[in-house]
Amino acid sequence: GSSPIIVLGCAFSHAIRRVAPQYQRTQFV
């Protein structure tokens, strides 16, 4: 239930692209 979720570094970009659409009420940084 955390939001926003902050991730650090370009290595996380692929994972965010996959996860963010599944949790549209959650904000990511």
All heavy atoms as atom14 arrays in JSON, in Angstrom:
{
  "sequence": "GSSPIIVLGCAFSHAIRRVAPQYQRTQFV",
  "atom14_mask": [
    [1, 1, 1, 1, 0, 0, 0, 0, 0, 0, 0, 0, 0, 0],
    [1, 1, 1, 1, 1, 1, 0, 0, 0, 0, 0, 0, 0, 0],
    [1, 1, 1, 1, 1, 1, 0, 0, 0, 0, 0, 0, 0, 0],
    [1, 1, 1, 1, 1, 1, 1, 0, 0, 0, 0, 0, 0, 0],
    [1, 1, 1, 1, 1, 1, 1, 1, 0, 0, 0, 0, 0, 0],
    [1, 1, 1, 1, 1, 1, 1, 1, 0, 0, 0, 0, 0, 0],
    [1, 1, 1, 1, 1, 1, 1, 0, 0, 0, 0, 0, 0, 0],
    [1, 1, 1, 1, 1, 1, 1, 1, 0, 0, 0, 0, 0, 0],
    [1, 1, 1, 1, 0, 0, 0, 0, 0, 0, 0, 0, 0, 0],
    [1, 1, 1, 1, 1, 1, 0, 0, 0, 0, 0, 0, 0, 0],
    [1, 1, 1, 1, 1, 0, 0, 0, 0, 0, 0, 0, 0, 0],
    [1, 1, 1, 1, 1, 1, 1, 1, 1, 1, 1, 0, 0, 0],
    [1, 1, 1, 1, 1, 1, 0, 0, 0, 0, 0, 0, 0, 0],
    [1, 1, 1, 1, 1, 1, 1, 1, 1, 1, 0, 0, 0, 0],
    [1, 1, 1, 1, 1, 0, 0, 0, 0, 0, 0, 0, 0, 0],
    [1, 1, 1, 1, 1, 1, 1, 1, 0, 0, 0, 0, 0, 0],
    [1, 1, 1, 1, 1, 1, 1, 1, 1, 1, 1, 0, 0, 0],
    [1, 1, 1, 1, 1, 1, 1, 1, 1, 1, 1, 0, 0, 0],
    [1, 1, 1, 1, 1, 1, 1, 0, 0, 0, 0, 0, 0, 0],
    [1, 1, 1, 1, 1, 0, 0, 0, 0, 0, 0, 0, 0, 0],
    [1, 1, 1, 1, 1, 1, 1, 0, 0, 0, 0, 0, 0, 0],
    [1, 1, 1, 1, 1, 1, 1, 1, 1, 0, 0, 0, 0, 0],
    [1, 1, 1, 1, 1, 1, 1, 1, 1, 1, 1, 1, 0, 0],
    [1, 1, 1, 1, 1, 1, 1, 1, 1, 0, 0, 0, 0, 0],
    [1, 1, 1, 1, 1, 1, 1, 1, 1, 1, 1, 0, 0, 0],
    [1, 1, 1, 1, 1, 1, 1, 0, 0, 0, 0, 0, 0, 0],
    [1, 1, 1, 1, 1, 1, 1, 1, 1, 0, 0, 0, 0, 0],
    [1, 1, 1, 1, 1, 1, 1, 1, 1, 1, 1, 0, 0, 0],
    [1, 1, 1, 1, 1, 1, 1, 0, 0, 0, 0, 0, 0, 0]
  ],
  "atom14_positions": [
    [[0.79, -1.22, 0.0], [0.0, 0.0, 0.0], [0.82, 1.27, 0.0], [0.27, 2.37, 0.08], [0.0, 0.0, 0.0], [0.0, 0.0, 0.0], [0.0, 0.0, 0.0], [0.0, 0.0, 0.0], [0.0, 0.0, 0.0], [0.0, 0.0, 0.0], [0.0, 0.0, 0.0], [0.0, 0.0, 0.0], [0.0, 0.0, 0.0], [0.0, 0.0, 0.0]],
    [[2.15, 1.15, -0.09], [3.01, 2.33, -0.08], [2.81, 3.18, -1.33], [2.59, 2.65, -2.43], [4.48, 1.91, -0.01], [4.76, 1.25, 1.21], [0.0, 0.0, 0.0], [0.0, 0.0, 0.0], [0.0, 0.0, 0.0], [0.0, 0.0, 0.0], [0.0, 0.0, 0.0], [0.0, 0.0, 0.0], [0.0, 0.0, 0.0], [0.0, 0.0, 0.0]],
    [[2.88, 4.5, -1.16], [2.82, 5.44, -2.28], [3.21, 6.83, -1.78], [2.72, 7.25, -0.72], [1.41, 5.47, -2.88], [1.36, 6.31, -4.02], [0.0, 0.0, 0.0], [0.0, 0.0, 0.0], [0.0, 0.0, 0.0], [0.0, 0.0, 0.0], [0.0, 0.0, 0.0], [0.0, 0.0, 0.0], [0.0, 0.0, 0.0], [0.0, 0.0, 0.0]],
    [[4.1, 7.52, -2.51], [4.79, 7.05, -3.71], [5.91, 6.08, -3.36], [6.4, 6.06, -2.24], [5.37, 8.35, -4.3], [5.63, 9.2, -3.09], [4.49, 8.9, -2.15], [0.0, 0.0, 0.0], [0.0, 0.0, 0.0], [0.0, 0.0, 0.0], [0.0, 0.0, 0.0], [0.0, 0.0, 0.0], [0.0, 0.0, 0.0], [0.0, 0.0, 0.0]],
    [[6.29, 5.28, -4.35], [7.4, 4.35, -4.2], [8.58, 4.91, -5.0], [8.47, 5.1, -6.21], [7.02, 2.95, -4.71], [5.88, 2.39, -3.86], [8.23, 2.02, -4.68], [5.28, 1.12, -4.41], [0.0, 0.0, 0.0], [0.0, 0.0, 0.0], [0.0, 0.0, 0.0], [0.0, 0.0, 0.0], [0.0, 0.0, 0.0], [0.0, 0.0, 0.0]],
    [[9.68, 5.17, -4.32], [10.86, 5.77, -4.94], [11.88, 4.68, -5.24], [12.19, 3.85, -4.39], [11.49, 6.82, -3.99], [10.48, 7.91, -3.66], [12.75, 7.42, -4.61], [10.94, 8.85, -2.55], [0.0, 0.0, 0.0], [0.0, 0.0, 0.0], [0.0, 0.0, 0.0], [0.0, 0.0, 0.0], [0.0, 0.0, 0.0], [0.0, 0.0, 0.0]],
    [[12.39, 4.68, -6.47], [13.46, 3.75, -6.84], [14.64, 4.55, -7.38], [14.46, 5.6, -7.99], [12.99, 2.69, -7.86], [11.84, 1.88, -7.3], [12.59, 3.34, -9.17], [0.0, 0.0, 0.0], [0.0, 0.0, 0.0], [0.0, 0.0, 0.0], [0.0, 0.0, 0.0], [0.0, 0.0, 0.0], [0.0, 0.0, 0.0], [0.0, 0.0, 0.0]],
    [[15.83, 4.02, -7.16], [17.05, 4.76, -7.45], [17.85, 4.12, -8.57], [18.31, 2.99, -8.44], [17.93, 4.85, -6.19], [17.26, 5.42, -4.94], [18.21, 5.32, -3.75], [16.83, 6.86, -5.16], [0.0, 0.0, 0.0], [0.0, 0.0, 0.0], [0.0, 0.0, 0.0], [0.0, 0.0, 0.0], [0.0, 0.0, 0.0], [0.0, 0.0, 0.0]],
    [[18.0, 4.83, -9.66], [18.89, 4.38, -10.72], [18.2, 3.8, -11.93], [17.09, 3.25, -11.86], [0.0, 0.0, 0.0], [0.0, 0.0, 0.0], [0.0, 0.0, 0.0], [0.0, 0.0, 0.0], [0.0, 0.0, 0.0], [0.0, 0.0, 0.0], [0.0, 0.0, 0.0], [0.0, 0.0, 0.0], [0.0, 0.0, 0.0], [0.0, 0.0, 0.0]],
    [[18.9, 3.92, -13.06], [18.34, 3.46, -14.33], [18.15, 1.96, -14.38], [17.38, 1.46, -15.2], [19.22, 3.93, -15.49], [20.95, 3.44, -15.36], [0.0, 0.0, 0.0], [0.0, 0.0, 0.0], [0.0, 0.0, 0.0], [0.0, 0.0, 0.0], [0.0, 0.0, 0.0], [0.0, 0.0, 0.0], [0.0, 0.0, 0.0], [0.0, 0.0, 0.0]],
    [[18.83, 1.22, -13.49], [18.67, -0.23, -13.48], [17.25, -0.65, -13.11], [16.82, -1.77, -13.38], [19.68, -0.87, -12.51], [0.0, 0.0, 0.0], [0.0, 0.0, 0.0], [0.0, 0.0, 0.0], [0.0, 0.0, 0.0], [0.0, 0.0, 0.0], [0.0, 0.0, 0.0], [0.0, 0.0, 0.0], [0.0, 0.0, 0.0], [0.0, 0.0, 0.0]],
    [[16.49, 0.25, -12.48], [15.12, -0.05, -12.07], [14.09, 0.28, -13.14], [12.9, 0.0, -12.96], [14.77, 0.75, -10.8], [15.31, 0.17, -9.52], [16.54, 0.56, -9.04], [14.58, -0.76, -8.81], [17.03, 0.05, -7.86], [15.06, -1.29, -7.63], [16.3, -0.89, -7.15], [0.0, 0.0, 0.0], [0.0, 0.0, 0.0], [0.0, 0.0, 0.0]],
    [[14.5, 0.89, -14.23], [13.52, 1.4, -15.2], [12.65, 0.29, -15.79], [11.43, 0.47, -15.93], [14.24, 2.16, -16.32], [15.16, 1.32, -17.0], [0.0, 0.0, 0.0], [0.0, 0.0, 0.0], [0.0, 0.0, 0.0], [0.0, 0.0, 0.0], [0.0, 0.0, 0.0], [0.0, 0.0, 0.0], [0.0, 0.0, 0.0], [0.0, 0.0, 0.0]],
    [[13.24, -0.84, -16.15], [12.46, -1.93, -16.75], [11.43, -2.44, -15.75], [10.27, -2.71, -16.12], [13.39, -3.06, -17.18], [12.68, -4.23, -17.79], [12.05, -4.17, -19.02], [12.46, -5.49, -17.31], [11.5, -5.34, -19.3], [11.72, -6.15, -18.28], [0.0, 0.0, 0.0], [0.0, 0.0, 0.0], [0.0, 0.0, 0.0], [0.0, 0.0, 0.0]],
    [[11.83, -2.59, -14.49], [10.92, -3.1, -13.47], [9.75, -2.15, -13.25], [8.6, -2.58, -13.12], [11.68, -3.32, -12.16], [0.0, 0.0, 0.0], [0.0, 0.0, 0.0], [0.0, 0.0, 0.0], [0.0, 0.0, 0.0], [0.0, 0.0, 0.0], [0.0, 0.0, 0.0], [0.0, 0.0, 0.0], [0.0, 0.0, 0.0], [0.0, 0.0, 0.0]],
    [[10.01, -0.84, -13.22], [8.94, 0.13, -13.04], [7.97, 0.09, -14.23], [6.75, 0.2, -14.05], [9.51, 1.55, -12.88], [10.16, 1.69, -11.5], [8.43, 2.61, -13.04], [9.18, 1.68, -10.36], [0.0, 0.0, 0.0], [0.0, 0.0, 0.0], [0.0, 0.0, 0.0], [0.0, 0.0, 0.0], [0.0, 0.0, 0.0], [0.0, 0.0, 0.0]],
    [[8.5, -0.07, -15.43], [7.63, -0.13, -16.61], [6.66, -1.32, -16.52], [5.55, -1.26, -17.05], [8.47, -0.23, -17.89], [9.2, 1.05, -18.24], [9.86, 0.97, -19.61], [10.61, 2.17, -19.9], [11.92, 2.3, -19.7], [12.63, 1.25, -19.26], [12.54, 3.43, -19.96], [0.0, 0.0, 0.0], [0.0, 0.0, 0.0], [0.0, 0.0, 0.0]],
    [[7.08, -2.38, -15.87], [6.24, -3.56, -15.75], [5.26, -3.47, -14.58], [4.11, -3.9, -14.68], [7.11, -4.81, -15.6], [7.86, -5.19, -16.89], [8.74, -6.42, -16.66], [7.95, -7.58, -16.28], [7.37, -8.42, -17.13], [7.47, -8.2, -18.44], [6.7, -9.46, -16.7], [0.0, 0.0, 0.0], [0.0, 0.0, 0.0], [0.0, 0.0, 0.0]],
    [[5.73, -2.88, -13.47], [4.91, -2.87, -12.26], [3.9, -1.73, -12.26], [2.74, -1.91, -11.85], [5.8, -2.79, -11.01], [4.94, -2.69, -9.74], [6.71, -4.02, -10.92], [0.0, 0.0, 0.0], [0.0, 0.0, 0.0], [0.0, 0.0, 0.0], [0.0, 0.0, 0.0], [0.0, 0.0, 0.0], [0.0, 0.0, 0.0], [0.0, 0.0, 0.0]],
    [[4.29, -0.54, -12.69], [3.43, 0.66, -12.59], [2.05, 0.47, -13.21], [1.04, 0.87, -12.59], [4.14, 1.87, -13.2], [0.0, 0.0, 0.0], [0.0, 0.0, 0.0], [0.0, 0.0, 0.0], [0.0, 0.0, 0.0], [0.0, 0.0, 0.0], [0.0, 0.0, 0.0], [0.0, 0.0, 0.0], [0.0, 0.0, 0.0], [0.0, 0.0, 0.0]],
    [[1.92, -0.14, -14.4], [0.58, -0.3, -14.98], [-0.32, -1.23, -14.15], [-1.55, -1.16, -14.26], [0.86, -0.9, -16.36], [2.27, -0.52, -16.67], [2.97, -0.56, -15.35], [0.0, 0.0, 0.0], [0.0, 0.0, 0.0], [0.0, 0.0, 0.0], [0.0, 0.0, 0.0], [0.0, 0.0, 0.0], [0.0, 0.0, 0.0], [0.0, 0.0, 0.0]],
    [[0.27, -2.09, -13.34], [-0.52, -3.04, -12.54], [-1.07, -2.39, -11.27], [-1.98, -2.94, -10.65], [0.35, -4.25, -12.17], [0.91, -5.01, -13.35], [1.85, -6.12, -12.91], [1.57, -6.83, -11.95], [2.98, -6.25, -13.59], [0.0, 0.0, 0.0], [0.0, 0.0, 0.0], [0.0, 0.0, 0.0], [0.0, 0.0, 0.0], [0.0, 0.0, 0.0]],
    [[-0.5, -1.25, -10.87], [-0.91, -0.57, -9.64], [-1.15, 0.9, -9.96], [-0.38, 1.78, -9.58], [0.16, -0.73, -8.55], [0.38, -2.17, -8.14], [1.3, -2.97, -8.81], [-0.37, -2.73, -7.11], [1.48, -4.3, -8.45], [-0.2, -4.06, -6.74], [0.73, -4.84, -7.42], [0.9, -6.16, -7.05], [0.0, 0.0, 0.0], [0.0, 0.0, 0.0]],
    [[-2.22, 1.16, -10.67], [-2.45, 2.51, -11.19], [-2.83, 3.52, -10.1], [-2.7, 4.72, -10.3], [-3.54, 2.45, -12.27], [-3.1, 1.65, -13.48], [-4.13, 1.64, -14.6], [-5.06, 2.42, -14.6], [-3.94, 0.74, -15.56], [0.0, 0.0, 0.0], [0.0, 0.0, 0.0], [0.0, 0.0, 0.0], [0.0, 0.0, 0.0], [0.0, 0.0, 0.0]],
    [[-3.3, 3.04, -8.94], [-3.58, 3.96, -7.83], [-2.31, 4.33, -7.08], [-2.33, 5.23, -6.24], [-4.59, 3.31, -6.86], [-5.99, 3.14, -7.43], [-6.92, 2.59, -6.37], [-7.02, 3.49, -5.23], [-7.01, 3.08, -3.96], [-6.86, 1.79, -3.67], [-7.13, 3.96, -2.98], [0.0, 0.0, 0.0], [0.0, 0.0, 0.0], [0.0, 0.0, 0.0]],
    [[-1.24, 3.61, -7.33], [0.04, 3.86, -6.67], [0.88, 4.78, -7.54], [0.91, 4.64, -8.77], [0.8, 2.54, -6.44], [-0.01, 1.66, -5.66], [2.13, 2.78, -5.74], [0.0, 0.0, 0.0], [0.0, 0.0, 0.0], [0.0, 0.0, 0.0], [0.0, 0.0, 0.0], [0.0, 0.0, 0.0], [0.0, 0.0, 0.0], [0.0, 0.0, 0.0]],
    [[1.58, 5.72, -6.92], [2.48, 6.6, -7.64], [3.92, 6.14, -7.44], [4.29, 5.68, -6.35], [2.3, 8.04, -7.18], [0.92, 8.61, -7.53], [0.76, 10.04, -7.09], [1.25, 10.46, -6.06], [0.04, 10.82, -7.9], [0.0, 0.0, 0.0], [0.0, 0.0, 0.0], [0.0, 0.0, 0.0], [0.0, 0.0, 0.0], [0.0, 0.0, 0.0]],
    [[4.7, 6.26, -8.5], [6.09, 5.82, -8.49], [7.0, 6.98, -8.86], [6.64, 7.86, -9.65], [6.3, 4.66, -9.47], [5.47, 3.44, -9.17], [4.16, 3.34, -9.64], [5.99, 2.41, -8.42], [3.39, 2.21, -9.35], [5.23, 1.27, -8.14], [3.93, 1.18, -8.61], [0.0, 0.0, 0.0], [0.0, 0.0, 0.0], [0.0, 0.0, 0.0]],
    [[8.2, 6.96, -8.31], [9.21, 7.96, -8.63], [10.49, 7.22, -8.99], [10.99, 6.41, -8.2], [9.48, 8.9, -7.43], [10.54, 9.95, -7.81], [8.21, 9.57, -6.97], [0.0, 0.0, 0.0], [0.0, 0.0, 0.0], [0.0, 0.0, 0.0], [0.0, 0.0, 0.0], [0.0, 0.0, 0.0], [0.0, 0.0, 0.0], [0.0, 0.0, 0.0]]
  ]
}
